[in-house]
Every structure is written in structure tokens, then in C-alpha cells.
Amino acid sequence: MRAAGVAWCAGFGRLGGIGGPMLGSLLISAGIALDSIFYVLACIGVFGIALTLLVPMARSAANR
């Protein structure tokens, strides 16, 4: 179970490693200002943090 979880994390990490530069280059080629690109990417990061913080809550609710 743990090995499968680590493999999934590694897989999604690779997707982020590929998708992040692609998204950044698309935003730059669209002519968007660099500070706006930062805010877009920061919002995606905050969304990821919020999803990560919801995992323990979902597990505790499932155990009840």
C-alpha cells in the first residue's frame, strides 16, 4: 500500500514537472505580464495546499 502511494506521488510529481514549464511557457507566449503569471501559479499552489490539508479531514470522517 505504501509503495503504491509513493509511486502515485512520483507519477503526479512528474506530471507537474512536465506541465509546469509548459503552462509557464504558454502564459509567457500569450504575452501575459510576469507578475500576473506569478499570481496564476501561486493560486494553483494554494489550491494544492488546500487539497492537501483536506486529506486528514476526509480520513478522520471516514473512521467515524
PDB file of N, CA and C in Angstrom:
ATOM      1  N   MET A   1       0.822  -1.158   0.000  1.00  0.00           N
ATOM      2  CA  MET A   1       0.000   0.000   0.000  1.00  0.00           C
ATOM      3  C   MET A   1       0.889   1.253   0.000  1.00  0.00           C
ATOM      4  N   ARG A   2       1.898   1.228   0.847  1.00  0.00           N
ATOM      5  CA  ARG A   2       2.778   2.396   0.920  1.00  0.00           C
ATOM      6  C   ARG A   2       3.542   2.587  -0.383  1.00  0.00           C
ATOM      7  N   ALA A   3       4.001   1.492  -0.968  1.00  0.00           N
ATOM      8  CA  ALA A   3       4.749   1.589  -2.230  1.00  0.00           C
ATOM      9  C   ALA A   3       3.855   2.136  -3.346  1.00  0.00           C
ATOM     10  N   ALA A   4       2.593   1.729  -3.352  1.00  0.00           N
ATOM     11  CA  ALA A   4       1.682   2.256  -4.363  1.00  0.00           C
ATOM     12  C   ALA A   4       1.466   3.749  -4.171  1.00  0.00           C
ATOM     13  N   GLY A   5       1.361   4.183  -2.928  1.00  0.00           N
ATOM     14  CA  GLY A   5       1.196   5.615  -2.653  1.00  0.00           C
ATOM     15  C   GLY A   5       2.407   6.422  -3.083  1.00  0.00           C
ATOM     16  N   VAL A   6       3.585   5.884  -2.815  1.00  0.00           N
ATOM     17  CA  VAL A   6       4.810   6.576  -3.229  1.00  0.00           C
ATOM     18  C   VAL A   6       4.896   6.638  -4.750  1.00  0.00           C
ATOM     19  N   ALA A   7       4.512   5.558  -5.415  1.00  0.00           N
ATOM     20  CA  ALA A   7       4.545   5.546  -6.880  1.00  0.00           C
ATOM     21  C   ALA A   7       3.566   6.561  -7.469  1.00  0.00           C
ATOM     22  N   TRP A   8       2.382   6.663  -6.887  1.00  0.00           N
ATOM     23  CA  TRP A   8       1.412   7.661  -7.369  1.00  0.00           C
ATOM     24  C   TRP A   8       1.952   9.075  -7.167  1.00  0.00           C
ATOM     25  N   CYS A   9       2.557   9.326  -6.014  1.00  0.00           N
ATOM     26  CA  CYS A   9       3.127  10.664  -5.761  1.00  0.00           C
ATOM     27  C   CYS A   9       4.226  10.978  -6.760  1.00  0.00           C
ATOM     28  N   ALA A  10       5.077   9.995  -7.032  1.00  0.00           N
ATOM     29  CA  ALA A  10       6.153  10.215  -8.003  1.00  0.00           C
ATOM     30  C   ALA A  10       5.580  10.483  -9.394  1.00  0.00           C
ATOM     31  N   GLY A  11       4.527   9.758  -9.748  1.00  0.00           N
ATOM     32  CA  GLY A  11       3.907   9.963 -11.055  1.00  0.00           C
ATOM     33  C   GLY A  11       3.303  11.342 -11.197  1.00  0.00           C
ATOM     34  N   PHE A  12       2.579  11.789 -10.174  1.00  0.00           N
ATOM     35  CA  PHE A  12       1.993  13.129 -10.244  1.00  0.00           C
ATOM     36  C   PHE A  12       3.063  14.204 -10.170  1.00  0.00           C
ATOM     37  N   GLY A  13       4.148  13.919  -9.466  1.00  0.00           N
ATOM     38  CA  GLY A  13       5.266  14.864  -9.446  1.00  0.00           C
ATOM     39  C   GLY A  13       5.865  15.047 -10.823  1.00  0.00           C
ATOM     40  N   ARG A  14       5.962  13.960 -11.559  1.00  0.00           N
ATOM     41  CA  ARG A  14       6.477  14.063 -12.932  1.00  0.00           C
ATOM     42  C   ARG A  14       5.528  14.832 -13.825  1.00  0.00           C
ATOM     43  N   LEU A  15       4.236  14.622 -13.638  1.00  0.00           N
ATOM     44  CA  LEU A  15       3.271  15.399 -14.428  1.00  0.00           C
ATOM     45  C   LEU A  15       3.411  16.884 -14.139  1.00  0.00           C
ATOM     46  N   GLY A  16       3.613  17.230 -12.880  1.00  0.00           N
ATOM     47  CA  GLY A  16       3.823  18.632 -12.530  1.00  0.00           C
ATOM     48  C   GLY A  16       5.128  19.173 -13.087  1.00  0.00           C
ATOM     49  N   GLY A  17       6.151  18.312 -13.104  1.00  0.00           N
ATOM     50  CA  GLY A  17       7.438  18.718 -13.656  1.00  0.00           C
ATOM     51  C   GLY A  17       7.383  18.963 -15.150  1.00  0.00           C
ATOM     52  N   ILE A  18       6.480  18.299 -15.822  1.00  0.00           N
ATOM     53  CA  ILE A  18       6.300  18.497 -17.262  1.00  0.00           C
ATOM     54  C   ILE A  18       5.307  19.624 -17.522  1.00  0.00           C
ATOM     55  N   GLY A  19       4.191  19.596 -16.791  1.00  0.00           N
ATOM     56  CA  GLY A  19       3.119  20.566 -17.038  1.00  0.00           C
ATOM     57  C   GLY A  19       3.437  21.978 -16.588  1.00  0.00           C
ATOM     58  N   GLY A  20       4.222  22.126 -15.530  1.00  0.00           N
ATOM     59  CA  GLY A  20       4.549  23.461 -15.024  1.00  0.00           C
ATOM     60  C   GLY A  20       5.291  24.326 -16.040  1.00  0.00           C
ATOM     61  N   PRO A  21       6.403  23.829 -16.586  1.00  0.00           N
ATOM     62  CA  PRO A  21       7.097  24.617 -17.603  1.00  0.00           C
ATOM     63  C   PRO A  21       6.266  24.845 -18.859  1.00  0.00           C
ATOM     64  N   MET A  22       5.435  23.854 -19.207  1.00  0.00           N
ATOM     65  CA  MET A  22       4.575  24.046 -20.387  1.00  0.00           C
ATOM     66  C   MET A  22       3.570  25.158 -20.140  1.00  0.00           C
ATOM     67  N   LEU A  23       2.954  25.155 -18.956  1.00  0.00           N
ATOM     68  CA  LEU A  23       1.998  26.209 -18.629  1.00  0.00           C
ATOM     69  C   LEU A  23       2.682  27.569 -18.572  1.00  0.00           C
ATOM     70  N   GLY A  24       3.849  27.616 -17.949  1.00  0.00           N
ATOM     71  CA  GLY A  24       4.591  28.877 -17.882  1.00  0.00           C
ATOM     72  C   GLY A  24       4.956  29.409 -19.253  1.00  0.00           C
ATOM     73  N   SER A  25       5.407  28.519 -20.131  1.00  0.00           N
ATOM     74  CA  SER A  25       5.778  28.983 -21.472  1.00  0.00           C
ATOM     75  C   SER A  25       4.556  29.417 -22.279  1.00  0.00           C
ATOM     76  N   LEU A  26       3.428  28.744 -22.067  1.00  0.00           N
ATOM     77  CA  LEU A  26       2.205  29.171 -22.760  1.00  0.00           C
ATOM     78  C   LEU A  26       1.755  30.556 -22.283  1.00  0.00           C
ATOM     79  N   LEU A  27       1.860  30.795 -20.988  1.00  0.00           N
ATOM     80  CA  LEU A  27       1.463  32.105 -20.461  1.00  0.00           C
ATOM     81  C   LEU A  27       2.403  33.204 -20.939  1.00  0.00           C
ATOM     82  N   ILE A  28       3.694  32.897 -21.000  1.00  0.00           N
ATOM     83  CA  ILE A  28       4.659  33.893 -21.483  1.00  0.00           C
ATOM     84  C   ILE A  28       4.428  34.181 -22.967  1.00  0.00           C
ATOM     85  N   SER A  29       4.191  33.116 -23.752  1.00  0.00           N
ATOM     86  CA  SER A  29       3.981  33.318 -25.188  1.00  0.00           C
ATOM     87  C   SER A  29       2.657  34.035 -25.473  1.00  0.00           C
ATOM     88  N   ALA A  30       1.715  33.975 -24.526  1.00  0.00           N
ATOM     89  CA  ALA A  30       0.451  34.698 -24.691  1.00  0.00           C
ATOM     90  C   ALA A  30       0.610  36.182 -24.391  1.00  0.00           C
ATOM     91  N   GLY A  31       1.785  36.576 -23.909  1.00  0.00           N
ATOM     92  CA  GLY A  31       2.042  37.990 -23.656  1.00  0.00           C
ATOM     93  C   GLY A  31       1.575  38.469 -22.296  1.00  0.00           C
ATOM     94  N   ILE A  32       1.338  37.555 -21.390  1.00  0.00           N
ATOM     95  CA  ILE A  32       0.891  37.934 -20.044  1.00  0.00           C
ATOM     96  C   ILE A  32       2.098  38.414 -19.245  1.00  0.00           C
ATOM     97  N   ALA A  33       1.904  39.440 -18.437  1.00  0.00           N
ATOM     98  CA  ALA A  33       2.993  40.000 -17.639  1.00  0.00           C
ATOM     99  C   ALA A  33       3.477  38.978 -16.613  1.00  0.00           C
ATOM    100  N   LEU A  34       4.761  39.052 -16.279  1.00  0.00           N
ATOM    101  CA  LEU A  34       5.355  38.080 -15.376  1.00  0.00           C
ATOM    102  C   LEU A  34       4.725  38.098 -13.987  1.00  0.00           C
ATOM    103  N   ASP A  35       4.325  39.264 -13.497  1.00  0.00           N
ATOM    104  CA  ASP A  35       3.695  39.281 -12.172  1.00  0.00           C
ATOM    105  C   ASP A  35       2.329  38.606 -12.202  1.00  0.00           C
ATOM    106  N   SER A  36       1.625  38.715 -13.308  1.00  0.00           N
ATOM    107  CA  SER A  36       0.342  38.014 -13.436  1.00  0.00           C
ATOM    108  C   SER A  36       0.542  36.503 -13.518  1.00  0.00           C
ATOM    109  N   ILE A  37       1.599  36.080 -14.202  1.00  0.00           N
ATOM    110  CA  ILE A  37       1.913  34.654 -14.273  1.00  0.00           C
ATOM    111  C   ILE A  37       2.217  34.126 -12.879  1.00  0.00           C
ATOM    112  N   PHE A  38       2.950  34.908 -12.091  1.00  0.00           N
ATOM    113  CA  PHE A  38       3.245  34.501 -10.724  1.00  0.00           C
ATOM    114  C   PHE A  38       1.957  34.303  -9.934  1.00  0.00           C
ATOM    115  N   TYR A  39       1.019  35.202 -10.070  1.00  0.00           N
ATOM    116  CA  TYR A  39      -0.238  35.073  -9.326  1.00  0.00           C
ATOM    117  C   TYR A  39      -1.036  33.854  -9.770  1.00  0.00           C
ATOM    118  N   VAL A  40      -1.028  33.563 -11.064  1.00  0.00           N
ATOM    119  CA  VAL A  40      -1.723  32.375 -11.557  1.00  0.00           C
ATOM    120  C   VAL A  40      -1.107  31.118 -10.955  1.00  0.00           C
ATOM    121  N   LEU A  41       0.215  31.022 -10.999  1.00  0.00           N
ATOM    122  CA  LEU A  41       0.896  29.846 -10.471  1.00  0.00           C
ATOM    123  C   LEU A  41       0.785  29.769  -8.948  1.00  0.00           C
ATOM    124  N   ALA A  42       0.773  30.913  -8.274  1.00  0.00           N
ATOM    125  CA  ALA A  42       0.597  30.913  -6.824  1.00  0.00           C
ATOM    126  C   ALA A  42      -0.795  30.425  -6.441  1.00  0.00           C
ATOM    127  N   CYS A  43      -1.802  30.802  -7.209  1.00  0.00           N
ATOM    128  CA  CYS A  43      -3.169  30.325  -6.942  1.00  0.00           C
ATOM    129  C   CYS A  43      -3.266  28.817  -7.107  1.00  0.00           C
ATOM    130  N   ILE A  44      -2.576  28.280  -8.110  1.00  0.00           N
ATOM    131  CA  ILE A  44      -2.564  26.829  -8.294  1.00  0.00           C
ATOM    132  C   ILE A  44      -1.881  26.161  -7.100  1.00  0.00           C
ATOM    133  N   GLY A  45      -0.806  26.750  -6.611  1.00  0.00           N
ATOM    134  CA  GLY A  45      -0.120  26.210  -5.438  1.00  0.00           C
ATOM    135  C   GLY A  45      -0.973  26.255  -4.184  1.00  0.00           C
ATOM    136  N   VAL A  46      -1.681  27.351  -3.977  1.00  0.00           N
ATOM    137  CA  VAL A  46      -2.567  27.474  -2.809  1.00  0.00           C
ATOM    138  C   VAL A  46      -3.704  26.466  -2.908  1.00  0.00           C
ATOM    139  N   PHE A  47      -4.214  26.240  -4.105  1.00  0.00           N
ATOM    140  CA  PHE A  47      -5.255  25.229  -4.306  1.00  0.00           C
ATOM    141  C   PHE A  47      -4.727  23.840  -3.937  1.00  0.00           C
ATOM    142  N   GLY A  48      -3.495  23.542  -4.318  1.00  0.00           N
ATOM    143  CA  GLY A  48      -2.880  22.266  -3.970  1.00  0.00           C
ATOM    144  C   GLY A  48      -2.696  22.105  -2.472  1.00  0.00           C
ATOM    145  N   ILE A  49      -2.305  23.190  -1.803  1.00  0.00           N
ATOM    146  CA  ILE A  49      -2.166  23.150  -0.346  1.00  0.00           C
ATOM    147  C   ILE A  49      -3.515  22.895   0.313  1.00  0.00           C
ATOM    148  N   ALA A  50      -4.550  23.554  -0.185  1.00  0.00           N
ATOM    149  CA  ALA A  50      -5.887  23.365   0.391  1.00  0.00           C
ATOM    150  C   ALA A  50      -6.346  21.918   0.220  1.00  0.00           C
ATOM    151  N   LEU A  51      -6.096  21.329  -0.935  1.00  0.00           N
ATOM    152  CA  LEU A  51      -6.468  19.927  -1.136  1.00  0.00           C
ATOM    153  C   LEU A  51      -5.680  19.005  -0.215  1.00  0.00           C
ATOM    154  N   THR A  52      -4.401  19.310  -0.016  1.00  0.00           N
ATOM    155  CA  THR A  52      -3.577  18.501   0.872  1.00  0.00           C
ATOM    156  C   THR A  52      -4.072  18.580   2.308  1.00  0.00           C
ATOM    157  N   LEU A  53      -4.498  19.748   2.726  1.00  0.00           N
ATOM    158  CA  LEU A  53      -4.995  19.902   4.101  1.00  0.00           C
ATOM    159  C   LEU A  53      -6.341  19.218   4.305  1.00  0.00           C
ATOM    160  N   LEU A  54      -7.085  18.990   3.239  1.00  0.00           N
ATOM    161  CA  LEU A  54      -8.381  18.316   3.361  1.00  0.00           C
ATOM    162  C   LEU A  54      -8.256  16.803   3.514  1.00  0.00           C
ATOM    163  N   VAL A  55      -7.117  16.221   3.154  1.00  0.00           N
ATOM    164  CA  VAL A  55      -6.956  14.770   3.226  1.00  0.00           C
ATOM    165  C   VAL A  55      -7.101  14.243   4.652  1.00  0.00           C
ATOM    166  N   PRO A  56      -6.416  14.823   5.660  1.00  0.00           N
ATOM    167  CA  PRO A  56      -6.608  14.299   7.018  1.00  0.00           C
ATOM    168  C   PRO A  56      -8.056  14.430   7.498  1.00  0.00           C
ATOM    169  N   MET A  57      -8.754  15.462   7.095  1.00  0.00           N
ATOM    170  CA  MET A  57     -10.148  15.629   7.492  1.00  0.00           C
ATOM    171  C   MET A  57     -11.020  14.526   6.896  1.00  0.00           C
ATOM    172  N   ALA A  58     -10.757  14.162   5.640  1.00  0.00           N
ATOM    173  CA  ALA A  58     -11.538  13.119   4.997  1.00  0.00           C
ATOM    174  C   ALA A  58     -11.267  11.765   5.645  1.00  0.00           C
ATOM    175  N   ARG A  59     -10.022  11.518   6.043  1.00  0.00           N
ATOM    176  CA  ARG A  59      -9.700  10.269   6.692  1.00  0.00           C
ATOM    177  C   ARG A  59     -10.340  10.161   8.067  1.00  0.00           C
ATOM    178  N   SER A  60     -10.341  11.250   8.819  1.00  0.00           N
ATOM    179  CA  SER A  60     -10.946  11.199  10.159  1.00  0.00           C
ATOM    180  C   SER A  60     -12.464  11.044  10.064  1.00  0.00           C
ATOM    181  N   ALA A  61     -13.059  11.605   9.044  1.00  0.00           N
ATOM    182  CA  ALA A  61     -14.512  11.462   8.875  1.00  0.00           C
ATOM    183  C   ALA A  61     -14.865  10.036   8.453  1.00  0.00           C
ATOM    184  N   ALA A  62     -13.984   9.384   7.699  1.00  0.00           N
ATOM    185  CA  ALA A  62     -14.243   8.024   7.241  1.00  0.00           C
ATOM    186  C   ALA A  62     -14.096   7.021   8.390  1.00  0.00           C
ATOM    187  N   ASN A  63     -13.269   7.351   9.379  1.00  0.00           N
ATOM    188  CA  ASN A  63     -13.048   6.457  10.503  1.00  0.00           C
ATOM    189  C   ASN A  63     -14.160   6.514  11.539  1.00  0.00           C
ATOM    190  N   ARG A  64     -15.039   7.453  11.454  1.00  0.00           N
ATOM    191  CA  ARG A  64     -16.105   7.598  12.461  1.00  0.00           C
ATOM    192  C   ARG A  64     -17.247   6.700  12.198  1.00  0.00           C
TER     193      ARG A  64
END
